[in-house]
Amino acid sequence: MICLKSTIIGRKIRQLISKNNLAGKVLATFSHSIYLNANNNIIFWIGDETVPMHQRCIQLSETDFQSIPIIEKQPFSFNPFYLQLSQNISIDISMSRTWIPSLLDSRSLVPFSELDHRFNIMYEIFSSHSPQKGLSPILPLFLDKYQHQDSLDVGYPLDTSVKITIPIIKEILITANNNKRNFLSHAKELIGLGSGLTPSGDDFLGGFCFVLFKLHKLFPYKIPLINFKKELAKIIPKRTNLISATILNDLIQGEGVEPLHDLFNELLSSNSDLGIKPYIEKILQIGSSTGWDLLTGFIAGLYSLTKTYSQKRGN
């Protein structure tokens, strides 16, 4: 019997197993993560130390993770003390630290008027990384002050799937806080667009909705929020795969990977020294292009939402 010990476990998993004994099958395996599907399509995953923490993640050391001989569709069971992966392998979670996203102190918010300056710093760090991946090459089209003339010269032909997203994203940025019907219509077109475990369209929309949700919580009168979460949550599972749907549903409720929370908090805190480069780099390392698309949505969302408010004030 091999008994491994988890170093840290996400809060969502801790809450689930405190109420229910979960069981299911391994859904997918990758070099640094194993995705599990429990009762009623509850998705969570085991990751090594290279996988950023998330409320659905159980983290192991790289050595322990590599010692797990897991195959897809293998049954597992879960209780408040152990994750039993097979007759011979279990993971002790009884002493694991519970990860909770860091919270931003509402008493130390940066003045809204300073967000533009902080945005510029973030964008310059982001754009200094290359090669650009996913939807990131078209980001300047959505940022007036960085916009190219009529076309983008990225040094290579853009994929058709990337070109398709341009008019869709433009409409999403325009309608997100004032027209629920149009927003949902265009968001629907973006979901599932692209290839991979989490398609580019899902990642972009997730990054955008994450920053929209978080900004609204901090500045409810400056950043209005049309109530689209219930309708969008119904659309998502019909348009993309189960893993991506789960992650996207979390993002539209302001739940994401640890460096995304840290980046947002650092940008919005008046006590920050804007040491955001490590968080940006950690996000960009997620997947093949997942991190790029997630940050592209985050940046486009932050820019468009703060710009809209400034225009309403006549700035």
Protein backbone atom coordinates (compact mmCIF):
# COMPACT_ATOMS: atom_id res chain seq x y z
CA MET A 1 0.00 0.00 0.00
CA ILE A 2 1.33 3.42 -1.00
CA CYS A 3 0.10 6.29 1.18
CA LEU A 4 0.97 9.76 -0.07
CA LYS A 5 0.38 13.03 1.76
CA SER A 6 -1.18 16.09 0.20
CA THR A 7 0.50 19.36 1.12
CA ILE A 8 -2.50 21.58 0.39
CA ILE A 9 -6.11 21.16 -0.70
CA GLY A 10 -8.56 23.67 -2.16
CA ARG A 11 -11.40 25.01 -0.03
CA LYS A 12 -14.13 23.85 -2.42
CA ILE A 13 -12.99 20.24 -2.15
CA ARG A 14 -12.73 20.49 1.62
CA GLN A 15 -16.30 21.77 1.78
CA LEU A 16 -17.59 19.02 -0.50
CA ILE A 17 -16.03 16.13 1.39
CA SER A 18 -17.11 17.52 4.75
CA LYS A 19 -20.71 16.90 3.67
CA ASN A 20 -20.45 13.93 1.32
CA ASN A 21 -18.35 10.90 0.58
CA LEU A 22 -17.44 11.31 -3.07
CA ALA A 23 -16.77 8.56 -5.58
CA GLY A 24 -16.25 8.40 -9.32
CA LYS A 25 -13.68 7.73 -12.02
CA VAL A 26 -10.50 9.28 -13.36
CA LEU A 27 -11.53 11.53 -16.24
CA ALA A 28 -8.20 12.53 -17.80
CA THR A 29 -4.48 12.29 -17.06
CA PHE A 30 -1.68 14.66 -17.98
CA SER A 31 2.00 14.99 -17.13
CA HIS A 32 1.36 17.28 -14.16
CA SER A 33 -2.31 16.75 -13.30
CA ILE A 34 -5.01 14.09 -12.97
CA TYR A 35 -8.65 15.13 -13.41
CA LEU A 36 -11.30 13.28 -11.44
CA ASN A 37 -15.06 13.15 -12.04
CA ALA A 38 -17.15 12.52 -8.92
CA ASN A 39 -20.88 12.36 -8.15
CA ASN A 40 -23.03 14.47 -10.49
CA ASN A 41 -20.07 15.67 -12.57
CA ILE A 42 -18.15 17.28 -9.71
CA ILE A 43 -14.72 17.94 -11.20
CA PHE A 44 -11.51 18.32 -9.24
CA TRP A 45 -7.89 17.48 -9.84
CA ILE A 46 -4.62 16.32 -8.35
CA GLY A 47 -1.61 18.38 -9.36
CA ASP A 48 2.06 18.57 -8.61
CA GLU A 49 3.84 21.72 -7.43
CA THR A 50 4.01 23.15 -10.96
CA VAL A 51 0.20 23.33 -11.11
CA PRO A 52 -1.15 26.58 -9.61
CA MET A 53 -3.51 26.19 -6.68
CA HIS A 54 -7.24 26.35 -7.24
CA GLN A 55 -10.21 25.62 -5.03
CA ARG A 56 -10.62 22.30 -6.84
CA CYS A 57 -6.97 21.24 -6.61
CA ILE A 58 -5.20 18.74 -4.38
CA GLN A 59 -1.48 19.40 -4.54
CA LEU A 60 1.30 16.84 -4.09
CA SER A 61 5.05 17.10 -4.31
CA GLU A 62 6.40 16.39 -7.79
CA THR A 63 8.02 13.18 -6.55
CA ASP A 64 4.80 11.87 -5.02
CA PHE A 65 2.75 12.84 -8.04
CA GLN A 66 5.06 11.01 -10.43
CA SER A 67 4.73 7.85 -8.34
CA ILE A 68 1.00 7.53 -9.10
CA PRO A 69 0.33 4.93 -11.85
CA ILE A 70 -3.11 6.19 -12.84
CA ILE A 71 -5.12 5.29 -15.91
CA GLU A 72 -8.30 6.89 -17.23
CA LYS A 73 -11.65 5.54 -15.98
CA GLN A 74 -10.03 4.07 -12.87
CA PRO A 75 -12.49 4.24 -9.93
CA PHE A 76 -11.73 6.29 -6.81
CA SER A 77 -13.42 7.14 -3.52
CA PHE A 78 -13.07 10.15 -1.28
CA ASN A 79 -13.83 10.89 2.39
CA PRO A 80 -12.74 13.65 4.79
CA PHE A 81 -9.47 11.82 5.51
CA TYR A 82 -8.33 9.98 2.38
CA LEU A 83 -8.59 9.97 -1.36
CA GLN A 84 -8.43 6.29 -2.34
CA LEU A 85 -7.22 6.05 -5.92
CA SER A 86 -6.93 2.28 -6.07
CA GLN A 87 -6.56 -0.65 -3.71
CA ASN A 88 -2.86 0.17 -3.42
CA ILE A 89 -2.74 3.99 -3.54
CA SER A 90 -4.25 6.53 -1.16
CA ILE A 91 -3.65 10.22 -0.50
CA ASP A 92 -3.88 11.43 3.09
CA ILE A 93 -5.63 14.82 3.17
CA SER A 94 -6.43 14.88 6.89
CA MET A 95 -3.54 17.22 7.75
CA SER A 96 -3.42 19.19 4.49
CA ARG A 97 -3.56 22.95 4.67
CA THR A 98 -6.75 24.34 3.12
CA TRP A 99 -6.10 26.87 0.37
CA ILE A 100 -8.34 29.92 0.20
CA PRO A 101 -7.81 32.76 -2.31
CA SER A 102 -6.14 35.76 -0.73
CA LEU A 103 -8.56 38.57 0.04
CA LEU A 104 -8.11 42.23 -0.78
CA ASP A 105 -8.61 44.59 2.14
CA SER A 106 -11.42 46.91 1.05
CA ARG A 107 -9.92 49.64 3.27
CA SER A 108 -6.78 49.77 1.16
CA LEU A 109 -8.25 50.04 -2.33
CA VAL A 110 -6.35 52.06 -4.87
CA PRO A 111 -8.32 55.11 -6.12
CA PHE A 112 -10.24 54.18 -9.23
CA SER A 113 -8.52 56.97 -11.12
CA GLU A 114 -5.14 55.25 -10.71
CA LEU A 115 -6.19 52.05 -12.45
CA ASP A 116 -5.22 53.36 -15.86
CA HIS A 117 -1.61 53.86 -14.79
CA ARG A 118 -1.48 50.40 -13.24
CA PHE A 119 -3.05 48.90 -16.32
CA ASN A 120 -0.26 50.36 -18.47
CA ILE A 121 2.38 48.72 -16.30
CA MET A 122 0.61 45.35 -16.47
CA TYR A 123 0.16 45.54 -20.24
CA GLU A 124 3.80 46.40 -20.87
CA ILE A 125 4.94 43.42 -18.81
CA PHE A 126 2.48 41.12 -20.57
CA SER A 127 3.36 42.30 -24.08
CA SER A 128 7.11 41.99 -23.41
CA HIS A 129 6.77 38.20 -23.32
CA SER A 130 7.04 36.28 -26.56
CA PRO A 131 6.14 34.42 -28.61
CA GLN A 132 2.56 35.55 -28.23
CA LYS A 133 0.11 32.65 -28.05
CA GLY A 134 -3.62 31.98 -28.38
CA LEU A 135 -5.74 35.11 -28.75
CA SER A 136 -3.10 37.47 -27.35
CA PRO A 137 -1.91 38.75 -30.78
CA ILE A 138 -5.30 40.39 -31.38
CA LEU A 139 -5.44 42.10 -27.96
CA PRO A 140 -4.30 45.51 -29.31
CA LEU A 141 -7.47 45.64 -31.43
CA PHE A 142 -9.46 46.05 -28.21
CA LEU A 143 -7.19 48.64 -26.57
CA ASP A 144 -7.53 52.07 -28.18
CA LYS A 145 -4.19 53.48 -27.08
CA TYR A 146 -2.29 50.42 -28.25
CA GLN A 147 -4.35 49.81 -31.35
CA HIS A 148 -2.66 49.26 -34.70
CA GLN A 149 -4.04 50.95 -37.79
CA ASP A 150 -6.20 48.54 -39.80
CA SER A 151 -4.48 45.21 -39.35
CA LEU A 152 -2.16 43.33 -37.05
CA ASP A 153 1.34 42.38 -38.12
CA VAL A 154 2.29 39.54 -35.80
CA GLY A 155 4.85 38.02 -38.15
CA TYR A 156 2.74 35.02 -39.09
CA PRO A 157 -0.77 34.29 -40.43
CA LEU A 158 -3.47 34.22 -37.76
CA ASP A 159 -5.51 31.04 -37.42
CA THR A 160 -9.05 31.23 -38.75
CA SER A 161 -10.40 30.48 -35.27
CA VAL A 162 -8.52 33.52 -33.93
CA LYS A 163 -9.87 35.80 -36.67
CA ILE A 164 -13.41 34.59 -35.97
CA THR A 165 -13.21 35.79 -32.38
CA ILE A 166 -12.46 39.43 -33.21
CA PRO A 167 -16.03 40.69 -33.86
CA ILE A 168 -17.39 38.44 -31.11
CA ILE A 169 -15.01 39.81 -28.49
CA LYS A 170 -15.68 43.40 -29.54
CA GLU A 171 -19.40 42.89 -28.90
CA ILE A 172 -18.77 41.16 -25.56
CA LEU A 173 -16.69 44.10 -24.35
CA ILE A 174 -19.39 46.56 -25.39
CA THR A 175 -22.42 44.73 -23.98
CA ALA A 176 -21.09 43.15 -20.77
CA ASN A 177 -22.53 45.70 -18.36
CA ASN A 178 -25.56 47.05 -20.20
CA ASN A 179 -27.22 44.48 -22.45
CA LYS A 180 -27.67 40.97 -21.09
CA ARG A 181 -29.37 39.54 -24.17
CA ASN A 182 -26.65 40.66 -26.56
CA PHE A 183 -23.88 39.71 -24.15
CA LEU A 184 -25.21 36.17 -23.77
CA SER A 185 -25.69 35.84 -27.52
CA HIS A 186 -22.05 36.69 -28.24
CA ALA A 187 -20.65 34.83 -25.23
CA LYS A 188 -22.40 31.72 -26.55
CA GLU A 189 -20.46 32.03 -29.81
CA LEU A 190 -17.16 32.25 -27.95
CA ILE A 191 -17.68 29.23 -25.67
CA GLY A 192 -15.99 26.10 -27.02
CA LEU A 193 -14.17 28.03 -29.76
CA GLY A 194 -10.66 26.70 -30.21
CA SER A 195 -8.90 23.47 -29.40
CA GLY A 196 -7.37 21.91 -26.31
CA LEU A 197 -8.55 20.97 -22.85
CA THR A 198 -9.78 24.51 -22.28
CA PRO A 199 -10.53 26.19 -25.65
CA SER A 200 -9.26 29.72 -26.20
CA GLY A 201 -12.77 31.15 -26.26
CA ASP A 202 -13.51 29.68 -22.83
CA ASP A 203 -10.26 31.00 -21.35
CA PHE A 204 -10.75 34.50 -22.74
CA LEU A 205 -14.35 34.67 -21.52
CA GLY A 206 -13.29 33.30 -18.14
CA GLY A 207 -10.59 35.92 -17.67
CA PHE A 208 -12.96 38.67 -18.73
CA CYS A 209 -15.80 37.54 -16.44
CA PHE A 210 -13.39 37.06 -13.53
CA VAL A 211 -12.25 40.67 -13.63
CA LEU A 212 -15.80 41.92 -14.22
CA PHE A 213 -17.07 40.05 -11.16
CA LYS A 214 -14.18 41.18 -8.95
CA LEU A 215 -14.35 44.84 -10.04
CA HIS A 216 -18.08 44.93 -9.42
CA LYS A 217 -17.60 43.60 -5.90
CA LEU A 218 -15.15 46.41 -5.14
CA PHE A 219 -16.78 49.23 -7.13
CA PRO A 220 -20.49 48.32 -7.41
CA TYR A 221 -21.56 51.84 -8.39
CA LYS A 222 -18.78 52.34 -10.92
CA ILE A 223 -18.87 48.87 -12.52
CA PRO A 224 -22.51 47.73 -12.89
CA LEU A 225 -23.15 44.03 -13.33
CA ILE A 226 -26.03 42.66 -15.33
CA ASN A 227 -27.16 39.38 -13.81
CA PHE A 228 -26.11 36.90 -16.48
CA LYS A 229 -24.50 34.17 -14.35
CA LYS A 230 -27.50 31.83 -14.21
CA GLU A 231 -28.20 32.02 -17.93
CA LEU A 232 -24.52 31.66 -18.83
CA ALA A 233 -24.13 28.69 -16.48
CA LYS A 234 -26.88 26.90 -18.42
CA ILE A 235 -25.24 27.61 -21.77
CA ILE A 236 -21.67 26.63 -20.86
CA PRO A 237 -22.09 22.82 -20.47
CA LYS A 238 -23.79 22.61 -23.85
CA ARG A 239 -20.95 24.32 -25.69
CA THR A 240 -17.72 22.94 -24.24
CA ASN A 241 -16.21 19.91 -22.51
CA LEU A 242 -16.86 19.06 -18.87
CA ILE A 243 -13.48 20.16 -17.49
CA SER A 244 -13.49 23.49 -19.30
CA ALA A 245 -17.14 24.07 -18.37
CA THR A 246 -16.31 23.56 -14.70
CA ILE A 247 -13.37 25.96 -14.77
CA LEU A 248 -15.33 28.58 -16.73
CA ASN A 249 -18.28 28.38 -14.35
CA ASP A 250 -15.89 29.05 -11.48
CA LEU A 251 -14.35 32.02 -13.27
CA ILE A 252 -17.68 33.74 -13.93
CA GLN A 253 -18.16 33.67 -10.14
CA GLY A 254 -14.75 35.19 -9.44
CA GLU A 255 -12.93 31.92 -8.66
CA GLY A 256 -9.69 31.09 -10.44
CA VAL A 257 -6.11 29.98 -10.03
CA GLU A 258 -3.98 31.50 -7.27
CA PRO A 259 -1.77 33.79 -9.42
CA LEU A 260 -4.87 35.32 -11.06
CA HIS A 261 -6.23 36.30 -7.63
CA ASP A 262 -2.80 37.58 -6.61
CA LEU A 263 -2.47 39.66 -9.78
CA PHE A 264 -5.87 41.26 -9.27
CA ASN A 265 -5.20 42.02 -5.60
CA GLU A 266 -1.78 43.52 -6.35
CA LEU A 267 -3.26 45.79 -9.03
CA LEU A 268 -6.06 47.01 -6.78
CA SER A 269 -4.25 47.44 -3.47
CA SER A 270 -2.98 50.88 -2.44
CA ASN A 271 -0.30 49.11 -0.36
CA SER A 272 1.07 47.35 -3.44
CA ASP A 273 4.52 47.93 -4.88
CA LEU A 274 3.17 46.49 -8.16
CA GLY A 275 5.39 43.45 -8.05
CA ILE A 276 3.09 41.78 -10.56
CA LYS A 277 5.61 40.28 -12.96
CA PRO A 278 5.90 36.91 -11.13
CA TYR A 279 2.10 36.48 -11.16
CA ILE A 280 1.90 37.25 -14.88
CA GLU A 281 4.67 34.75 -15.61
CA LYS A 282 2.99 32.04 -13.54
CA ILE A 283 -0.27 32.54 -15.42
CA LEU A 284 1.44 32.45 -18.81
CA GLN A 285 2.94 29.07 -17.95
CA ILE A 286 -0.49 27.43 -17.59
CA GLY A 287 -1.11 24.97 -20.42
CA SER A 288 -0.04 25.54 -24.00
CA SER A 289 -1.98 28.78 -24.47
CA THR A 290 -4.49 28.70 -21.59
CA GLY A 291 -2.62 31.24 -19.50
CA TRP A 292 -2.20 33.58 -22.45
CA ASP A 293 -5.90 33.49 -23.28
CA LEU A 294 -6.92 33.87 -19.64
CA LEU A 295 -4.75 36.97 -19.25
CA THR A 296 -5.88 38.36 -22.61
CA GLY A 297 -9.48 38.24 -21.36
CA PHE A 298 -8.46 39.70 -18.01
CA ILE A 299 -6.56 42.60 -19.61
CA ALA A 300 -9.25 43.35 -22.20
CA GLY A 301 -11.88 43.28 -19.46
CA LEU A 302 -9.98 45.57 -17.10
CA TYR A 303 -9.32 48.06 -19.86
CA SER A 304 -12.83 48.14 -21.34
CA LEU A 305 -14.64 48.27 -18.01
CA THR A 306 -12.56 51.08 -16.51
CA LYS A 307 -12.60 52.99 -19.80
CA THR A 308 -16.41 52.77 -19.98
CA TYR A 309 -16.75 54.26 -16.50
CA SER A 310 -14.31 57.07 -17.30
CA GLN A 311 -16.23 57.94 -20.45
CA LYS A 312 -19.50 58.09 -18.53
CA ARG A 313 -17.88 60.65 -16.23
CA GLY A 314 -16.73 62.65 -19.22
CA ASN A 315 -13.02 61.94 -18.64
